Protein backbone atom coordinates (compact mmCIF):
# COMPACT_ATOMS: atom_id res chain seq x y z
CA UNK A 1 -46.72 -44.38 -39.36
CA UNK A 2 -44.42 -45.36 -42.23
CA UNK A 3 -40.97 -46.65 -41.70
CA UNK A 4 -39.52 -43.53 -43.30
CA UNK A 5 -41.55 -41.23 -40.93
CA UNK A 6 -40.54 -43.36 -37.90
CA UNK A 7 -36.89 -43.06 -38.84
CA UNK A 8 -37.20 -39.31 -39.31
CA UNK A 9 -38.86 -38.98 -35.93
CA UNK A 10 -36.22 -41.12 -34.27
CA UNK A 11 -33.50 -39.02 -35.90
CA UNK A 12 -35.10 -35.83 -34.71
CA UNK A 13 -35.40 -37.10 -31.23
CA UNK A 14 -31.80 -38.32 -31.22
CA UNK A 15 -30.43 -34.97 -32.48
CA UNK A 16 -32.53 -33.20 -29.75
CA UNK A 17 -31.06 -35.55 -27.13
CA UNK A 18 -27.54 -35.02 -28.27
CA UNK A 19 -28.08 -31.18 -28.23
CA UNK A 20 -29.44 -31.34 -24.70
CA UNK A 21 -26.50 -33.40 -23.51
CA UNK A 22 -24.08 -30.98 -25.14
CA UNK A 23 -25.64 -27.86 -23.57
CA UNK A 24 -26.43 -29.39 -20.14
CA UNK A 25 -23.79 -28.33 -17.64
CA UNK A 26 -23.52 -29.11 -13.93
CA UNK A 27 -24.46 -26.22 -11.62
CA UNK A 28 -21.56 -24.12 -10.48
CA UNK A 29 -19.74 -24.89 -8.18
CA UNK A 30 -19.47 -28.58 -7.85
CA UNK A 31 -16.05 -28.67 -5.99
CA UNK A 32 -14.00 -26.35 -3.72
CA UNK A 33 -12.85 -23.05 -5.14
CA UNK A 34 -9.21 -21.90 -4.63
CA UNK A 35 -8.72 -18.28 -3.70
CA UNK A 36 -5.05 -17.16 -4.21
CA UNK A 37 -3.89 -14.36 -2.03
CA UNK A 38 -0.55 -13.03 -3.42
CA UNK A 39 0.44 -11.69 -0.07
CA UNK A 40 1.44 -13.09 3.24
CA UNK A 41 -0.93 -13.68 6.17
CA UNK A 42 -1.98 -10.85 8.29
CA UNK A 43 -2.29 -8.14 5.66
CA UNK A 44 -5.39 -6.32 4.61
CA UNK A 45 -6.12 -8.68 1.65
CA UNK A 46 -5.75 -11.70 3.87
CA UNK A 47 -7.80 -10.23 6.63
CA UNK A 48 -10.66 -9.20 4.43
CA UNK A 49 -10.95 -12.60 2.46
CA UNK A 50 -10.80 -14.69 5.71
CA UNK A 51 -13.58 -12.60 7.25
CA UNK A 52 -15.83 -13.21 4.12
CA UNK A 53 -14.81 -16.79 3.52
CA UNK A 54 -17.49 -18.55 5.80
CA UNK A 55 -20.29 -16.57 4.23
CA UNK A 56 -19.15 -16.95 0.61
CA UNK A 57 -18.64 -20.73 1.38
CA UNK A 58 -22.23 -21.06 2.70
CA UNK A 59 -23.67 -19.09 -0.30
CA UNK A 60 -21.92 -21.14 -2.88
CA UNK A 61 -22.23 -24.56 -1.15
CA UNK A 62 -18.60 -25.24 -1.65
CA UNK A 63 -15.51 -24.42 0.43
CA UNK A 64 -13.26 -21.53 -0.37
CA UNK A 65 -9.69 -22.77 0.07
CA UNK A 66 -7.48 -19.81 0.73
CA UNK A 67 -3.86 -20.02 -0.47
CA UNK A 68 -1.27 -17.40 0.48
CA UNK A 69 1.43 -17.15 -2.29
CA UNK A 70 3.43 -14.04 -1.64
CA UNK A 71 6.38 -12.87 -3.71
CA UNK A 72 7.53 -10.29 -6.28
CA UNK A 73 5.09 -7.56 -5.44
CA UNK A 74 2.08 -9.93 -5.75
CA UNK A 75 3.28 -11.18 -9.17
CA UNK A 76 3.86 -14.81 -8.02
CA UNK A 77 0.32 -15.41 -6.84
CA UNK A 78 -1.26 -13.46 -9.55
CA UNK A 79 0.46 -15.48 -12.34
CA UNK A 80 -0.99 -18.61 -10.68
CA UNK A 81 -4.45 -17.35 -11.46
CA UNK A 82 -3.42 -16.12 -14.84
CA UNK A 83 -2.48 -19.64 -15.80
CA UNK A 84 -5.59 -21.32 -14.34
CA UNK A 85 -8.35 -22.91 -16.29
CA UNK A 86 -11.15 -20.42 -17.25
CA UNK A 87 -13.82 -22.28 -15.14
CA UNK A 88 -14.13 -20.05 -12.03
CA UNK A 89 -12.42 -22.49 -9.68
CA UNK A 90 -9.32 -20.35 -9.26
CA UNK A 91 -9.71 -16.77 -8.05
CA UNK A 92 -7.22 -14.21 -7.03
CA UNK A 93 -7.91 -11.61 -4.44
CA UNK A 94 -5.76 -8.37 -4.85
CA UNK A 95 -5.42 -4.83 -3.63
CA UNK A 96 -4.30 -1.80 -5.67
CA UNK A 97 -0.98 -3.60 -6.64
CA UNK A 98 -2.90 -5.00 -9.62
CA UNK A 99 -3.22 -1.58 -11.18
CA UNK A 100 0.11 -0.36 -9.95
CA UNK A 101 2.32 -3.16 -11.20
CA UNK A 102 1.84 -2.44 -15.00
CA UNK A 103 3.54 0.91 -14.54
CA UNK A 104 6.08 -0.22 -12.21
CA UNK A 105 7.34 -3.57 -13.75
CA UNK A 106 8.56 -3.53 -17.28
CA UNK A 107 7.71 -7.12 -18.10
CA UNK A 108 4.88 -8.88 -16.26
CA UNK A 109 4.54 -12.61 -16.99
CA UNK A 110 0.83 -12.06 -17.75
CA UNK A 111 -1.38 -9.43 -19.41
CA UNK A 112 -3.60 -7.80 -16.78
CA UNK A 113 -6.25 -6.84 -19.46
CA UNK A 114 -6.13 -10.03 -21.57
CA UNK A 115 -5.68 -12.78 -18.92
CA UNK A 116 -8.19 -11.73 -16.32
CA UNK A 117 -11.84 -11.22 -15.82
CA UNK A 118 -12.91 -8.98 -12.95
CA UNK A 119 -15.53 -10.50 -10.62
CA UNK A 120 -16.25 -7.59 -8.14
CA UNK A 121 -14.74 -4.94 -5.89
CA UNK A 122 -14.90 -5.98 -2.37
CA UNK A 123 -14.01 -2.82 -0.38
CA UNK A 124 -12.02 0.38 -0.24
CA UNK A 125 -9.79 1.68 2.53
CA UNK A 126 -7.77 4.84 3.20
CA UNK A 127 -4.11 4.81 3.69
CA UNK A 128 -2.64 6.05 7.02
CA UNK A 129 0.62 7.81 8.05
CA UNK A 130 1.96 6.13 11.18
CA UNK A 131 4.60 7.08 13.75
CA UNK A 132 6.15 5.14 16.57
CA UNK A 133 5.26 6.73 19.99
CA UNK A 134 8.90 7.60 20.47
CA UNK A 135 8.77 10.00 17.55
CA UNK A 136 8.71 13.58 18.96
CA UNK A 137 5.73 14.62 16.76
CA UNK A 138 2.13 14.05 17.58
CA UNK A 139 0.71 15.83 14.51
CA UNK A 140 1.49 15.90 10.92
CA UNK A 141 2.55 19.53 10.83
CA UNK A 142 4.95 18.78 13.83
CA UNK A 143 6.35 15.77 11.80
CA UNK A 144 6.78 18.04 8.72
CA UNK A 145 8.78 20.57 10.71
CA UNK A 146 10.83 17.84 12.21
CA UNK A 147 11.62 16.30 8.81
CA UNK A 148 12.66 19.83 7.45
CA UNK A 149 14.98 20.24 10.46
CA UNK A 150 16.48 16.76 10.03
CA UNK A 151 16.31 16.26 6.23
CA UNK A 152 16.93 12.59 5.14
CA UNK A 153 17.26 11.31 8.76
CA UNK A 154 13.66 10.07 9.20
CA UNK A 155 12.70 6.78 7.50
CA UNK A 156 9.35 5.42 6.62
CA UNK A 157 8.45 1.76 6.17
CA UNK A 158 6.16 0.64 3.27
CA UNK A 159 4.84 -2.56 1.89
CA UNK A 160 7.40 -2.50 -0.93
CA UNK A 161 8.63 -0.46 -3.83
CA UNK A 162 5.62 0.63 -5.96
CA UNK A 163 3.07 -0.47 -3.33
CA UNK A 164 0.15 1.80 -2.62
CA UNK A 165 1.74 2.68 0.67
CA UNK A 166 5.05 3.67 -1.06
CA UNK A 167 3.14 5.93 -3.51
CA UNK A 168 1.60 7.77 -0.55
CA UNK A 169 4.91 8.26 1.05
CA UNK A 170 6.24 9.74 -2.23
CA UNK A 171 3.15 11.98 -2.57
CA UNK A 172 3.70 13.24 0.98
CA UNK A 173 7.36 14.05 0.27
CA UNK A 174 6.42 15.90 -2.86
CA UNK A 175 3.42 17.78 -1.39
CA UNK A 176 5.13 18.76 1.82
CA UNK A 177 8.60 19.45 0.46
CA UNK A 178 10.37 17.07 2.94
CA UNK A 179 13.10 14.39 2.48
CA UNK A 180 12.20 11.09 3.99
CA UNK A 181 14.14 7.81 3.49
CA UNK A 182 12.02 4.95 2.05
CA UNK A 183 12.48 1.45 3.63
CA UNK A 184 10.54 -1.09 1.49
CA UNK A 185 9.33 -4.34 3.07
CA UNK A 186 7.99 -7.46 1.69
CA UNK A 187 4.42 -6.73 2.67
CA UNK A 188 2.61 -4.56 5.07
CA UNK A 189 2.75 -7.24 7.81
CA UNK A 190 6.48 -7.16 8.21
CA UNK A 191 6.56 -3.40 7.78
CA UNK A 192 4.10 -3.02 10.58
CA UNK A 193 6.05 -5.34 12.86
CA UNK A 194 9.11 -3.02 12.63
CA UNK A 195 7.15 0.13 13.10
CA UNK A 196 5.62 -1.34 16.29
CA UNK A 197 9.02 -2.53 17.42
CA UNK A 198 10.51 1.07 16.93
CA UNK A 199 13.05 -0.24 14.29
CA UNK A 200 11.80 2.29 11.87
CA UNK A 201 10.07 5.56 13.11
CA UNK A 202 7.51 6.09 10.48
CA UNK A 203 5.27 3.96 8.30
CA UNK A 204 2.65 4.26 5.65
CA UNK A 205 0.17 1.45 5.67
CA UNK A 206 -3.37 0.64 4.83
CA UNK A 207 -5.79 1.57 7.58
CA UNK A 208 -7.28 -1.95 7.53
CA UNK A 209 -3.94 -3.42 8.46
CA UNK A 210 -3.15 -0.75 11.02
CA UNK A 211 -6.48 -0.30 12.84
CA UNK A 212 -5.82 -2.72 15.77
CA UNK A 213 -2.32 -1.24 16.37
CA UNK A 214 -3.62 2.31 16.35
CA UNK A 215 -6.45 1.43 18.74
CA UNK A 216 -4.00 -0.29 21.12
CA UNK A 217 -1.58 2.73 21.04
CA UNK A 218 1.46 0.82 19.71
CA UNK A 219 1.53 3.26 16.88
CA UNK A 220 0.23 6.78 16.36
CA UNK A 221 -1.91 7.77 13.34
CA UNK A 222 -1.06 11.20 11.97
CA UNK A 223 -3.24 11.47 8.82
CA UNK A 224 -5.33 9.42 6.51
CA UNK A 225 -6.06 9.77 2.76
CA UNK A 226 -9.49 10.60 1.54
CA UNK A 227 -12.07 13.32 1.41
CA UNK A 228 -13.49 12.54 4.88
CA UNK A 229 -12.08 11.16 8.13
CA UNK A 230 -12.30 7.42 8.65
CA UNK A 231 -15.41 6.22 10.67
CA UNK A 232 -13.15 4.05 12.87
CA UNK A 233 -10.80 6.92 13.75
CA UNK A 234 -12.66 10.22 13.69
CA UNK A 235 -10.00 12.05 15.56
CA UNK A 236 -7.43 11.35 12.75
CA UNK A 237 -7.46 14.24 10.17
CA UNK A 238 -7.08 13.78 6.49
CA UNK A 239 -4.19 14.95 4.55
CA UNK A 240 -6.61 17.14 2.57
CA UNK A 241 -7.73 19.08 5.59
CA UNK A 242 -4.15 19.59 6.65
CA UNK A 243 -3.44 21.34 3.50
CA UNK A 244 -2.04 18.33 1.51
CA UNK A 245 -4.75 17.50 -1.11
CA UNK A 246 -2.22 15.85 -3.43
CA UNK A 247 -1.79 12.97 -1.00
CA UNK A 248 -4.68 11.16 -2.28
CA UNK A 249 -4.90 7.42 -2.59
CA UNK A 250 -7.28 4.82 -1.64
CA UNK A 251 -6.57 1.15 -1.55
CA UNK A 252 -9.18 -0.99 -3.19
CA UNK A 253 -9.65 -4.82 -3.01
CA UNK A 254 -11.21 -7.06 -5.64
CA UNK A 255 -11.60 -10.49 -6.91
CA UNK A 256 -10.57 -11.61 -10.38
CA UNK A 257 -10.70 -14.93 -12.27
CA UNK A 258 -9.32 -16.24 -15.53
CA UNK A 259 -10.41 -14.45 -18.73
CA UNK A 260 -12.81 -16.74 -20.73
CA UNK A 261 -14.67 -17.91 -17.66
CA UNK A 262 -18.42 -18.07 -18.51
CA UNK A 263 -20.37 -15.09 -17.48
CA UNK A 264 -22.94 -17.02 -15.57
CA UNK A 265 -20.08 -18.37 -13.29
CA UNK A 266 -18.76 -14.87 -12.87
CA UNK A 267 -22.11 -13.44 -11.88
CA UNK A 268 -22.61 -16.37 -9.41
CA UNK A 269 -19.32 -15.59 -7.77
CA UNK A 270 -19.94 -11.91 -7.78
CA UNK A 271 -23.33 -12.37 -6.10
CA UNK A 272 -21.86 -14.51 -3.39
CA UNK A 273 -18.99 -12.11 -2.53
CA UNK A 274 -21.26 -9.02 -2.83
CA UNK A 275 -23.86 -10.39 -0.50
CA UNK A 276 -21.16 -11.37 2.03
CA UNK A 277 -19.25 -8.04 2.13
CA UNK A 278 -22.57 -6.01 2.33
CA UNK A 279 -24.04 -8.03 5.24
CA UNK A 280 -25.51 -5.65 7.83
CA UNK A 281 -24.12 -7.82 10.69
CA UNK A 282 -20.46 -7.48 9.20
CA UNK A 283 -20.47 -3.63 8.51
CA UNK A 284 -19.40 -2.66 12.05
CA UNK A 285 -16.65 -5.29 12.05
CA UNK A 286 -15.33 -4.28 8.67
CA UNK A 287 -15.52 -0.61 9.52
CA UNK A 288 -13.58 -1.17 12.70
CA UNK A 289 -10.91 -2.68 10.62
CA UNK A 290 -10.78 0.34 8.33
CA UNK A 291 -12.67 -1.15 5.39
CA UNK A 292 -15.38 0.54 3.44
CA UNK A 293 -17.51 -2.29 1.95
CA UNK A 294 -18.27 -1.88 -1.73
CA UNK A 295 -19.66 -4.96 -3.48
CA UNK A 296 -19.53 -3.05 -6.70
CA UNK A 297 -19.61 -5.89 -9.30
CA UNK A 298 -17.61 -6.77 -12.38
CA UNK A 299 -18.31 -3.70 -14.56
CA UNK A 300 -17.46 -1.17 -11.81
CA UNK A 301 -14.38 -3.13 -11.16
CA UNK A 302 -13.25 -3.13 -14.81
CA UNK A 303 -13.71 0.67 -14.87
CA UNK A 304 -11.64 1.06 -11.83
CA UNK A 305 -8.83 -1.05 -13.19
CA UNK A 306 -8.62 0.98 -16.31
CA UNK A 307 -8.80 4.35 -14.67
CA UNK A 308 -6.44 3.56 -11.80
CA UNK A 309 -3.86 1.76 -14.04
CA UNK A 310 -3.45 4.97 -15.97
CA UNK A 311 -3.42 7.20 -12.85
CA UNK A 312 -0.73 5.21 -10.99
CA UNK A 313 1.51 4.74 -14.07
CA UNK A 314 1.61 8.59 -14.23
CA UNK A 315 2.49 8.86 -10.61
CA UNK A 316 5.29 6.20 -10.84
CA UNK A 317 6.85 7.90 -13.82
CA UNK A 318 6.76 11.33 -12.15
CA UNK A 319 8.43 10.00 -9.03
CA UNK A 320 10.80 7.83 -10.96
CA UNK A 321 9.94 4.86 -8.80
CA UNK A 322 11.81 1.58 -9.64
CA UNK A 323 11.09 -1.99 -8.57
CA UNK A 324 13.15 -3.78 -6.10
């Protein structure tokens, strides 16, 4: 072999080595993954993620570190994820507030479409109308009659202005032609505490955050959203079967990460979360809490975000809902 050919061969091998070094990446994940929950402990999002955490941790081989960062109708925690590196090591778990806030808040500190990459939809759940046992109405028709006899004197608690629970309350007022006073709380957990204590007679909450309190009798469930009754509470009728089809909203939960995250990383995360939420041994536990497991993936989540953002923006404008 001549010196020229040897030099050419060495140059080729060196270039190949550099190319290999440039493309070789460590397998994801190699360190713990932060999951930001932009709500306080005890709500539906927090409950769901904490149930799934040990299974996702095992599947990924790295710990999920859950961080509750409530505030500003989920904006505080969501912005943290929007400013993270696009590497899949910071996730945000959200409910339907992600698709409600663009229509509610005139200036978000992030762009929901530009700054985020959907990972997967975890679950759905209906929304339930609740009453403290002291309320002299055991059915929705009785409550409507009571509200018409005492307009403006009955109050309902929600998780905050523009929250899914608030929107259901406004849908109910419009459909039934009743006047209820809205009391917004900073999250569904504090709202539920005051409903249980009897400080507020009515509440609208996610079924997942209400199931244990309904089962214990601390609150009474009058109706749920959706086309069919919830498996966990088959005796609770739907708004639709009670003649109020316009009271129609499901909460959904999903996981997002920073836009620009490599697709193989997103796929790895989606697989781990989907396998966890669809585990047969978790199905009954999730159903008992009011969750309907989805595990629908990134494409389905992206479609849901686009569709529901447009829908909720229309509802917010029609009801003239303003932020806190």
